[in-house]
PDB file of N, CA and C in Angstrom:
ATOM      1  N   UNK A   1      68.447  95.142 103.766  1.00  0.00           N
ATOM      2  CA  UNK A   1      69.337  96.271 103.982  1.00  0.00           C
ATOM      3  C   UNK A   1      70.431  96.264 102.905  1.00  0.00           C
ATOM      4  N   UNK A   2      70.730  97.417 102.377  1.00  0.00           N
ATOM      5  CA  UNK A   2      71.750  97.547 101.341  1.00  0.00           C
ATOM      6  C   UNK A   2      73.158  97.420 101.933  1.00  0.00           C
ATOM      7  N   UNK A   3      74.027  96.813 101.157  1.00  0.00           N
ATOM      8  CA  UNK A   3      75.436  96.728 101.524  1.00  0.00           C
ATOM      9  C   UNK A   3      76.086  98.054 101.144  1.00  0.00           C
ATOM     10  N   UNK A   4      76.714  98.726 102.102  1.00  0.00           N
ATOM     11  CA  UNK A   4      77.306 100.038 101.860  1.00  0.00           C
ATOM     12  C   UNK A   4      78.832  99.936 101.800  1.00  0.00           C
ATOM     13  N   UNK A   5      79.401 100.504 100.730  1.00  0.00           N
ATOM     14  CA  UNK A   5      80.846 100.570 100.573  1.00  0.00           C
ATOM     15  C   UNK A   5      81.210 102.005 100.181  1.00  0.00           C
ATOM     16  N   UNK A   6      82.492 102.351 100.337  1.00  0.00           N
ATOM     17  CA  UNK A   6      82.886 103.737 100.060  1.00  0.00           C
ATOM     18  C   UNK A   6      84.254 103.802  99.394  1.00  0.00           C
ATOM     19  N   UNK A   7      84.431 104.880  98.640  1.00  0.00           N
ATOM     20  CA  UNK A   7      85.716 105.239  98.047  1.00  0.00           C
ATOM     21  C   UNK A   7      85.998 106.672  98.470  1.00  0.00           C
ATOM     22  N   UNK A   8      87.218 106.944  98.939  1.00  0.00           N
ATOM     23  CA  UNK A   8      87.573 108.287  99.394  1.00  0.00           C
ATOM     24  C   UNK A   8      88.792 108.789  98.628  1.00  0.00           C
ATOM     25  N   UNK A   9      88.707 110.049  98.161  1.00  0.00           N
ATOM     26  CA  UNK A   9      89.846 110.663  97.489  1.00  0.00           C
ATOM     27  C   UNK A   9      90.227 111.948  98.209  1.00  0.00           C
ATOM     28  N   UNK A  10      91.477 112.361  98.032  1.00  0.00           N
ATOM     29  CA  UNK A  10      91.996 113.552  98.698  1.00  0.00           C
ATOM     30  C   UNK A  10      92.484 114.550  97.655  1.00  0.00           C
ATOM     31  N   UNK A  11      92.102 115.827  97.873  1.00  0.00           N
ATOM     32  CA  UNK A  11      92.509 116.914  96.985  1.00  0.00           C
ATOM     33  C   UNK A  11      92.527 118.190  97.821  1.00  0.00           C
ATOM     34  N   UNK A  12      93.636 118.876  97.817  1.00  0.00           N
ATOM     35  CA  UNK A  12      93.813 120.047  98.669  1.00  0.00           C
ATOM     36  C   UNK A  12      92.873 121.200  98.396  1.00  0.00           C
ATOM     37  N   UNK A  13      92.203 121.225  97.265  1.00  0.00           N
ATOM     38  CA  UNK A  13      91.267 122.309  96.979  1.00  0.00           C
ATOM     39  C   UNK A  13      89.914 122.101  97.665  1.00  0.00           C
ATOM     40  N   UNK A  14      89.708 120.944  98.254  1.00  0.00           N
ATOM     41  CA  UNK A  14      88.439 120.641  98.922  1.00  0.00           C
ATOM     42  C   UNK A  14      88.463 121.201 100.338  1.00  0.00           C
ATOM     43  N   UNK A  15      87.536 122.097 100.640  1.00  0.00           N
ATOM     44  CA  UNK A  15      87.491 122.709 101.977  1.00  0.00           C
ATOM     45  C   UNK A  15      86.411 122.094 102.867  1.00  0.00           C
ATOM     46  N   UNK A  16      85.408 121.502 102.257  1.00  0.00           N
ATOM     47  CA  UNK A  16      84.341 120.789 102.966  1.00  0.00           C
ATOM     48  C   UNK A  16      84.187 119.436 102.271  1.00  0.00           C
ATOM     49  N   UNK A  17      83.880 118.384 103.020  1.00  0.00           N
ATOM     50  CA  UNK A  17      83.736 117.078 102.378  1.00  0.00           C
ATOM     51  C   UNK A  17      82.725 117.111 101.233  1.00  0.00           C
ATOM     52  N   UNK A  18      83.077 116.455 100.133  1.00  0.00           N
ATOM     53  CA  UNK A  18      82.191 116.318  98.974  1.00  0.00           C
ATOM     54  C   UNK A  18      81.725 114.864  98.930  1.00  0.00           C
ATOM     55  N   UNK A  19      80.438 114.666  98.886  1.00  0.00           N
ATOM     56  CA  UNK A  19      79.906 113.311  98.960  1.00  0.00           C
ATOM     57  C   UNK A  19      78.888 113.067  97.855  1.00  0.00           C
ATOM     58  N   UNK A  20      78.954 111.882  97.272  1.00  0.00           N
ATOM     59  CA  UNK A  20      77.930 111.452  96.324  1.00  0.00           C
ATOM     60  C   UNK A  20      77.620 109.983  96.617  1.00  0.00           C
ATOM     61  N   UNK A  21      76.437 109.567  96.193  1.00  0.00           N
ATOM     62  CA  UNK A  21      76.020 108.187  96.415  1.00  0.00           C
ATOM     63  C   UNK A  21      75.491 107.606  95.119  1.00  0.00           C
ATOM     64  N   UNK A  22      75.803 106.343  94.892  1.00  0.00           N
ATOM     65  CA  UNK A  22      75.310 105.628  93.720  1.00  0.00           C
ATOM     66  C   UNK A  22      74.639 104.348  94.212  1.00  0.00           C
ATOM     67  N   UNK A  23      73.345 104.271  93.975  1.00  0.00           N
ATOM     68  CA  UNK A  23      72.565 103.099  94.364  1.00  0.00           C
ATOM     69  C   UNK A  23      72.626 102.099  93.221  1.00  0.00           C
ATOM     70  N   UNK A  24      73.128 100.906  93.484  1.00  0.00           N
ATOM     71  CA  UNK A  24      73.192  99.892  92.429  1.00  0.00           C
ATOM     72  C   UNK A  24      72.405  98.639  92.813  1.00  0.00           C
ATOM     73  N   UNK A  25      71.205  98.861  93.330  1.00  0.00           N
ATOM     74  CA  UNK A  25      70.319  97.749  93.672  1.00  0.00           C
ATOM     75  C   UNK A  25      70.606  97.185  95.048  1.00  0.00           C
ATOM     76  N   UNK A  26      71.396  96.102  95.116  1.00  0.00           N
ATOM     77  CA  UNK A  26      71.649  95.503  96.424  1.00  0.00           C
ATOM     78  C   UNK A  26      72.652  96.287  97.275  1.00  0.00           C
ATOM     79  N   UNK A  27      73.249  97.313  96.694  1.00  0.00           N
ATOM     80  CA  UNK A  27      74.273  98.041  97.423  1.00  0.00           C
ATOM     81  C   UNK A  27      74.263  99.532  97.162  1.00  0.00           C
ATOM     82  N   UNK A  28      75.076 100.224  97.951  1.00  0.00           N
ATOM     83  CA  UNK A  28      75.224 101.667  97.839  1.00  0.00           C
ATOM     84  C   UNK A  28      76.714 101.977  97.838  1.00  0.00           C
ATOM     85  N   UNK A  29      77.171 102.685  96.798  1.00  0.00           N
ATOM     86  CA  UNK A  29      78.558 103.131  96.720  1.00  0.00           C
ATOM     87  C   UNK A  29      78.586 104.605  97.084  1.00  0.00           C
ATOM     88  N   UNK A  30      79.333 104.928  98.121  1.00  0.00           N
ATOM     89  CA  UNK A  30      79.466 106.305  98.583  1.00  0.00           C
ATOM     90  C   UNK A  30      80.858 106.793  98.210  1.00  0.00           C
ATOM     91  N   UNK A  31      80.930 107.932  97.556  1.00  0.00           N
ATOM     92  CA  UNK A  31      82.199 108.555  97.206  1.00  0.00           C
ATOM     93  C   UNK A  31      82.347 109.812  98.046  1.00  0.00           C
ATOM     94  N   UNK A  32      83.518 109.960  98.671  1.00  0.00           N
ATOM     95  CA  UNK A  32      83.762 111.112  99.533  1.00  0.00           C
ATOM     96  C   UNK A  32      85.084 111.756  99.140  1.00  0.00           C
ATOM     97  N   UNK A  33      85.043 113.050  98.866  1.00  0.00           N
ATOM     98  CA  UNK A  33      86.248 113.823  98.610  1.00  0.00           C
ATOM     99  C   UNK A  33      86.604 114.619  99.844  1.00  0.00           C
ATOM    100  N   UNK A  34      87.887 114.598 100.208  1.00  0.00           N
ATOM    101  CA  UNK A  34      88.363 115.320 101.388  1.00  0.00           C
ATOM    102  C   UNK A  34      89.574 116.162 101.021  1.00  0.00           C
ATOM    103  N   UNK A  35      89.871 117.159 101.852  1.00  0.00           N
ATOM    104  CA  UNK A  35      90.974 118.059 101.579  1.00  0.00           C
ATOM    105  C   UNK A  35      92.282 117.715 102.248  1.00  0.00           C
ATOM    106  N   UNK A  36      92.252 116.802 103.227  1.00  0.00           N
ATOM    107  CA  UNK A  36      93.469 116.438 103.956  1.00  0.00           C
ATOM    108  C   UNK A  36      93.205 115.177 104.785  1.00  0.00           C
ATOM    109  N   UNK A  37      94.235 114.686 105.441  1.00  0.00           N
ATOM    110  CA  UNK A  37      94.101 113.450 106.208  1.00  0.00           C
ATOM    111  C   UNK A  37      93.183 113.616 107.419  1.00  0.00           C
ATOM    112  N   UNK A  38      93.213 114.758 108.087  1.00  0.00           N
ATOM    113  CA  UNK A  38      92.343 114.964 109.247  1.00  0.00           C
ATOM    114  C   UNK A  38      90.871 114.880 108.832  1.00  0.00           C
ATOM    115  N   UNK A  39      90.533 115.510 107.729  1.00  0.00           N
ATOM    116  CA  UNK A  39      89.167 115.450 107.224  1.00  0.00           C
ATOM    117  C   UNK A  39      88.821 114.011 106.834  1.00  0.00           C
ATOM    118  N   UNK A  40      89.781 113.292 106.278  1.00  0.00           N
ATOM    119  CA  UNK A  40      89.557 111.898 105.899  1.00  0.00           C
ATOM    120  C   UNK A  40      89.205 111.059 107.122  1.00  0.00           C
ATOM    121  N   UNK A  41      89.917 111.270 108.209  1.00  0.00           N
ATOM    122  CA  UNK A  41      89.637 110.514 109.440  1.00  0.00           C
ATOM    123  C   UNK A  41      88.238 110.818 109.954  1.00  0.00           C
ATOM    124  N   UNK A  42      87.862 112.088 109.953  1.00  0.00           N
ATOM    125  CA  UNK A  42      86.516 112.469 110.409  1.00  0.00           C
ATOM    126  C   UNK A  42      85.440 111.816 109.547  1.00  0.00           C
ATOM    127  N   UNK A  43      85.633 111.849 108.233  1.00  0.00           N
ATOM    128  CA  UNK A  43      84.634 111.285 107.326  1.00  0.00           C
ATOM    129  C   UNK A  43      84.589 109.762 107.415  1.00  0.00           C
ATOM    130  N   UNK A  44      85.722 109.127 107.628  1.00  0.00           N
ATOM    131  CA  UNK A  44      85.749 107.665 107.768  1.00  0.00           C
ATOM    132  C   UNK A  44      84.977 107.232 109.015  1.00  0.00           C
ATOM    133  N   UNK A  45      85.097 107.980 110.085  1.00  0.00           N
ATOM    134  CA  UNK A  45      84.336 107.677 111.306  1.00  0.00           C
ATOM    135  C   UNK A  45      82.841 107.805 111.026  1.00  0.00           C
ATOM    136  N   UNK A  46      82.456 108.846 110.299  1.00  0.00           N
ATOM    137  CA  UNK A  46      81.038 109.014 109.936  1.00  0.00           C
ATOM    138  C   UNK A  46      80.546 107.839 109.096  1.00  0.00           C
ATOM    139  N   UNK A  47      81.379 107.401 108.146  1.00  0.00           N
ATOM    140  CA  UNK A  47      81.000 106.269 107.315  1.00  0.00           C
ATOM    141  C   UNK A  47      80.788 105.021 108.170  1.00  0.00           C
ATOM    142  N   UNK A  48      81.673 104.789 109.110  1.00  0.00           N
ATOM    143  CA  UNK A  48      81.523 103.635 110.009  1.00  0.00           C
ATOM    144  C   UNK A  48      80.232 103.750 110.808  1.00  0.00           C
ATOM    145  N   UNK A  49      79.921 104.956 111.278  1.00  0.00           N
ATOM    146  CA  UNK A  49      78.688 105.184 112.043  1.00  0.00           C
ATOM    147  C   UNK A  49      77.444 104.890 111.204  1.00  0.00           C
ATOM    148  N   UNK A  50      77.554 105.071 109.868  1.00  0.00           N
ATOM    149  CA  UNK A  50      76.429 104.853 108.951  1.00  0.00           C
ATOM    150  C   UNK A  50      76.292 103.396 108.513  1.00  0.00           C
ATOM    151  N   UNK A  51      77.181 102.543 108.960  1.00  0.00           N
ATOM    152  CA  UNK A  51      77.087 101.139 108.592  1.00  0.00           C
ATOM    153  C   UNK A  51      77.858 100.739 107.352  1.00  0.00           C
ATOM    154  N   UNK A  52      78.734 101.611 106.865  1.00  0.00           N
ATOM    155  CA  UNK A  52      79.592 101.258 105.730  1.00  0.00           C
ATOM    156  C   UNK A  52      80.522 100.132 106.193  1.00  0.00           C
ATOM    157  N   UNK A  53      80.725  99.124 105.320  1.00  0.00           N
ATOM    158  CA  UNK A  53      81.545  97.982 105.728  1.00  0.00           C
ATOM    159  C   UNK A  53      83.015  98.119 105.329  1.00  0.00           C
ATOM    160  N   UNK A  54      83.292  98.979 104.326  1.00  0.00           N
ATOM    161  CA  UNK A  54      84.680  99.183 103.917  1.00  0.00           C
ATOM    162  C   UNK A  54      84.828 100.497 103.179  1.00  0.00           C
ATOM    163  N   UNK A  55      86.042 101.050 103.261  1.00  0.00           N
ATOM    164  CA  UNK A  55      86.373 102.245 102.486  1.00  0.00           C
ATOM    165  C   UNK A  55      87.692 101.976 101.781  1.00  0.00           C
ATOM    166  N   UNK A  56      87.744 102.329 100.508  1.00  0.00           N
ATOM    167  CA  UNK A  56      88.984 102.225  99.757  1.00  0.00           C
ATOM    168  C   UNK A  56      89.505 103.642  99.537  1.00  0.00           C
ATOM    169  N   UNK A  57      90.761 103.851  99.873  1.00  0.00           N
ATOM    170  CA  UNK A  57      91.393 105.166  99.739  1.00  0.00           C
ATOM    171  C   UNK A  57      92.086 105.269  98.391  1.00  0.00           C
ATOM    172  N   UNK A  58      92.012 106.447  97.764  1.00  0.00           N
ATOM    173  CA  UNK A  58      92.648 106.657  96.471  1.00  0.00           C
ATOM    174  C   UNK A  58      94.169 106.646  96.612  1.00  0.00           C
ATOM    175  N   UNK A  59      94.835 106.592  95.471  1.00  0.00           N
ATOM    176  CA  UNK A  59      96.289 106.560  95.445  1.00  0.00           C
ATOM    177  C   UNK A  59      96.946 107.824  95.970  1.00  0.00           C
ATOM    178  N   UNK A  60      96.168 108.885  96.194  1.00  0.00           N
ATOM    179  CA  UNK A  60      96.713 110.110  96.763  1.00  0.00           C
ATOM    180  C   UNK A  60      97.051 109.984  98.240  1.00  0.00           C
ATOM    181  N   UNK A  61      96.522 108.961  98.895  1.00  0.00           N
ATOM    182  CA  UNK A  61      96.859 108.713 100.294  1.00  0.00           C
ATOM    183  C   UNK A  61      98.163 107.924 100.337  1.00  0.00           C
ATOM    184  N   UNK A  62      99.096 108.376 101.117  1.00  0.00           N
ATOM    185  CA  UNK A  62     100.323 107.616 101.323  1.00  0.00           C
ATOM    186  C   UNK A  62     100.128 106.603 102.442  1.00  0.00           C
ATOM    187  N   UNK A  63     101.208 105.943 102.809  1.00  0.00           N
ATOM    188  CA  UNK A  63     101.114 104.930 103.858  1.00  0.00           C
ATOM    189  C   UNK A  63     100.731 105.541 105.205  1.00  0.00           C
ATOM    190  N   UNK A  64     101.183 106.741 105.477  1.00  0.00           N
ATOM    191  CA  UNK A  64     100.829 107.392 106.749  1.00  0.00           C
ATOM    192  C   UNK A  64      99.357 107.791 106.766  1.00  0.00           C
ATOM    193  N   UNK A  65      98.846 108.264 105.629  1.00  0.00           N
ATOM    194  CA  UNK A  65      97.424 108.587 105.543  1.00  0.00           C
ATOM    195  C   UNK A  65      96.568 107.351 105.730  1.00  0.00           C
ATOM    196  N   UNK A  66      96.972 106.245 105.112  1.00  0.00           N
ATOM    197  CA  UNK A  66      96.272 104.979 105.283  1.00  0.00           C
ATOM    198  C   UNK A  66      96.270 104.586 106.759  1.00  0.00           C
ATOM    199  N   UNK A  67      97.410 104.706 107.404  1.00  0.00           N
ATOM    200  CA  UNK A  67      97.515 104.351 108.825  1.00  0.00           C
ATOM    201  C   UNK A  67      96.622 105.240 109.685  1.00  0.00           C
ATOM    202  N   UNK A  68      96.563 106.528 109.386  1.00  0.00           N
ATOM    203  CA  UNK A  68      95.734 107.441 110.182  1.00  0.00           C
ATOM    204  C   UNK A  68      94.253 107.101 110.058  1.00  0.00           C
ATOM    205  N   UNK A  69      93.789 106.828 108.847  1.00  0.00           N
ATOM    206  CA  UNK A  69      92.374 106.484 108.649  1.00  0.00           C
ATOM    207  C   UNK A  69      92.071 105.146 109.323  1.00  0.00           C
ATOM    208  N   UNK A  70      92.972 104.181 109.176  1.00  0.00           N
ATOM    209  CA  UNK A  70      92.784 102.876 109.813  1.00  0.00           C
ATOM    210  C   UNK A  70      92.687 103.015 111.321  1.00  0.00           C
ATOM    211  N   UNK A  71      93.552 103.823 111.900  1.00  0.00           N
ATOM    212  CA  UNK A  71      93.517 104.049 113.350  1.00  0.00           C
ATOM    213  C   UNK A  71      92.217 104.750 113.754  1.00  0.00           C
ATOM    214  N   UNK A  72      91.774 105.705 112.950  1.00  0.00           N
ATOM    215  CA  UNK A  72      90.572 106.475 113.292  1.00  0.00           C
ATOM    216  C   UNK A  72      89.333 105.593 113.369  1.00  0.00           C
ATOM    217  N   UNK A  73      89.212 104.614 112.479  1.00  0.00           N
ATOM    218  CA  UNK A  73      88.012 103.769 112.478  1.00  0.00           C
ATOM    219  C   UNK A  73      88.115 102.610 113.461  1.00  0.00           C
ATOM    220  N   UNK A  74      89.278 102.406 114.035  1.00  0.00           N
ATOM    221  CA  UNK A  74      89.481 101.456 115.133  1.00  0.00           C
ATOM    222  C   UNK A  74      88.889 100.066 114.850  1.00  0.00           C
ATOM    223  N   UNK A  75      89.091  99.555 113.643  1.00  0.00           N
ATOM    224  CA  UNK A  75      88.642  98.216 113.310  1.00  0.00           C
ATOM    225  C   UNK A  75      87.158  98.075 113.012  1.00  0.00           C
ATOM    226  N   UNK A  76      86.438  99.172 113.005  1.00  0.00           N
ATOM    227  CA  UNK A  76      84.993  99.115 112.759  1.00  0.00           C
ATOM    228  C   UNK A  76      84.654  98.844 111.305  1.00  0.00           C
ATOM    229  N   UNK A  77      85.524  99.279 110.367  1.00  0.00           N
ATOM    230  CA  UNK A  77      85.343  98.999 108.939  1.00  0.00           C
ATOM    231  C   UNK A  77      86.710  98.677 108.347  1.00  0.00           C
ATOM    232  N   UNK A  78      86.684  97.962 107.229  1.00  0.00           N
ATOM    233  CA  UNK A  78      87.927  97.678 106.527  1.00  0.00           C
ATOM    234  C   UNK A  78      88.414  98.916 105.789  1.00  0.00           C
ATOM    235  N   UNK A  79      89.731  99.089 105.725  1.00  0.00           N
ATOM    236  CA  UNK A  79      90.326 100.225 105.010  1.00  0.00           C
ATOM    237  C   UNK A  79      91.337  99.662 104.016  1.00  0.00           C
ATOM    238  N   UNK A  80      91.053  99.840 102.736  1.00  0.00           N
ATOM    239  CA  UNK A  80      91.958  99.395 101.675  1.00  0.00           C
ATOM    240  C   UNK A  80      92.524 100.597 100.944  1.00  0.00           C
ATOM    241  N   UNK A  81      93.484 100.337 100.078  1.00  0.00           N
ATOM    242  CA  UNK A  81      94.130 101.446  99.364  1.00  0.00           C
ATOM    243  C   UNK A  81      94.404 101.092  97.909  1.00  0.00           C
ATOM    244  N   UNK A  82      94.368 102.113  97.082  1.00  0.00           N
ATOM    245  CA  UNK A  82      94.936 102.071  95.749  1.00  0.00           C
ATOM    246  C   UNK A  82      96.299 102.716  95.934  1.00  0.00           C
ATOM    247  N   UNK A  83      97.373 102.037  95.629  1.00  0.00           N
ATOM    248  CA  UNK A  83      98.691 102.537  96.023  1.00  0.00           C
ATOM    249  C   UNK A  83      99.488 103.117  94.862  1.00  0.00           C
ATOM    250  N   UNK A  84      99.944 104.328  95.041  1.00  0.00           N
ATOM    251  CA  UNK A  84     100.952 104.962  94.204  1.00  0.00           C
ATOM    252  C   UNK A  84     101.978 105.523  95.180  1.00  0.00           C
ATOM    253  N   UNK A  85     103.036 104.784  95.463  1.00  0.00           N
ATOM    254  CA  UNK A  85     104.052 105.325  96.366  1.00  0.00           C
ATOM    255  C   UNK A  85     104.731 106.542  95.753  1.00  0.00           C
ATOM    256  N   UNK A  86     104.768 106.585  94.438  1.00  0.00           N
ATOM    257  CA  UNK A  86     105.295 107.736  93.708  1.00  0.00           C
ATOM    258  C   UNK A  86     104.202 108.171  92.740  1.00  0.00           C
ATOM    259  N   UNK A  87     103.259 108.939  93.249  1.00  0.00           N
ATOM    260  CA  UNK A  87     102.031 109.274  92.522  1.00  0.00           C
ATOM    261  C   UNK A  87     102.330 110.126  91.287  1.00  0.00           C
ATOM    262  N   UNK A  88     101.877 109.684  90.112  1.00  0.00           N
ATOM    263  CA  UNK A  88     102.149 110.445  88.896  1.00  0.00           C
ATOM    264  C   UNK A  88     101.483 111.820  88.879  1.00  0.00           C
ATOM    265  N   UNK A  89     100.390 111.978  89.589  1.00  0.00           N
ATOM    266  CA  UNK A  89      99.716 113.271  89.648  1.00  0.00           C
ATOM    267  C   UNK A  89     100.384 114.266  90.580  1.00  0.00           C
ATOM    268  N   UNK A  90     101.328 113.768  91.390  1.00  0.00           N
ATOM    269  CA  UNK A  90     102.039 114.628  92.349  1.00  0.00           C
ATOM    270  C   UNK A  90     103.515 114.728  91.995  1.00  0.00           C
ATOM    271  N   UNK A  91     103.830 114.653  90.715  1.00  0.00           N
ATOM    272  CA  UNK A  91     105.210 114.726  90.235  1.00  0.00           C
ATOM    273  C   UNK A  91     106.106 113.692  90.905  1.00  0.00           C
ATOM    274  N   UNK A  92     105.558 112.498  91.113  1.00  0.00           N
ATOM    275  CA  UNK A  92     106.340 111.398  91.677  1.00  0.00           C
ATOM    276  C   UNK A  92     106.426 111.379  93.192  1.00  0.00           C
ATOM    277  N   UNK A  93     105.789 112.303  93.875  1.00  0.00           N
ATOM    278  CA  UNK A  93     105.848 112.333  95.343  1.00  0.00           C
ATOM    279  C   UNK A  93     104.755 111.433  95.930  1.00  0.00           C
ATOM    280  N   UNK A  94     104.952 111.033  97.162  1.00  0.00           N
ATOM    281  CA  UNK A  94     103.939 110.288  97.898  1.00  0.00           C
ATOM    282  C   UNK A  94     102.868 111.251  98.405  1.00  0.00           C
ATOM    283  N   UNK A  95     101.660 110.742  98.600  1.00  0.00           N
ATOM    284  CA  UNK A  95     100.609 111.551  99.220  1.00  0.00           C
ATOM    285  C   UNK A  95     101.016 112.039 100.600  1.00  0.00           C
ATOM    286  N   UNK A  96     101.851 111.249 101.285  1.00  0.00           N
ATOM    287  CA  UNK A  96     102.318 111.665 102.613  1.00  0.00           C
ATOM    288  C   UNK A  96     103.100 112.969 102.524  1.00  0.00           C
ATOM    289  N   UNK A  97     103.896 113.133 101.493  1.00  0.00           N
ATOM    290  CA  UNK A  97     104.670 114.361 101.313  1.00  0.00           C
ATOM    291  C   UNK A  97     103.737 115.544 101.032  1.00  0.00           C
ATOM    292  N   UNK A  98     102.702 115.290 100.255  1.00  0.00           N
ATOM    293  CA  UNK A  98     101.803 116.367  99.843  1.00  0.00           C
ATOM    294  C   UNK A  98     100.810 116.768 100.938  1.00  0.00           C
ATOM    295  N   UNK A  99     100.278 115.803 101.666  1.00  0.00           N
ATOM    296  CA  UNK A  99      99.143 116.080 102.554  1.00  0.00           C
ATOM    297  C   UNK A  99      99.483 116.145 104.035  1.00  0.00           C
ATOM    298  N   UNK A 100     100.715 115.891 104.427  1.00  0.00           N
ATOM    299  CA  UNK A 100     101.042 115.943 105.859  1.00  0.00           C
ATOM    300  C   UNK A 100     101.733 117.242 106.200  1.00  0.00           C
TER     301      UNK A 100
END
């Protein structure tokens, strides 16, 4: 069985989840684009249901977004983050300011 891992990014122009998969032999990397934190929580639950062992959230997620996804998966998968508390792509704002 392949080891499944995921990376999730957030962008407000996304209205439906965008998903791609990269098979690298012993594993599968799943990339998921979401439009907001609620969509992120829904997609993270789906990933857990599919047997993904961890998801790493992009720097666009703030601490509150990280907490929401972590709560949604209820310990079923690990949730890590790439952190930009003052994201350069958001004019120095946190993802929490942009997406909540």
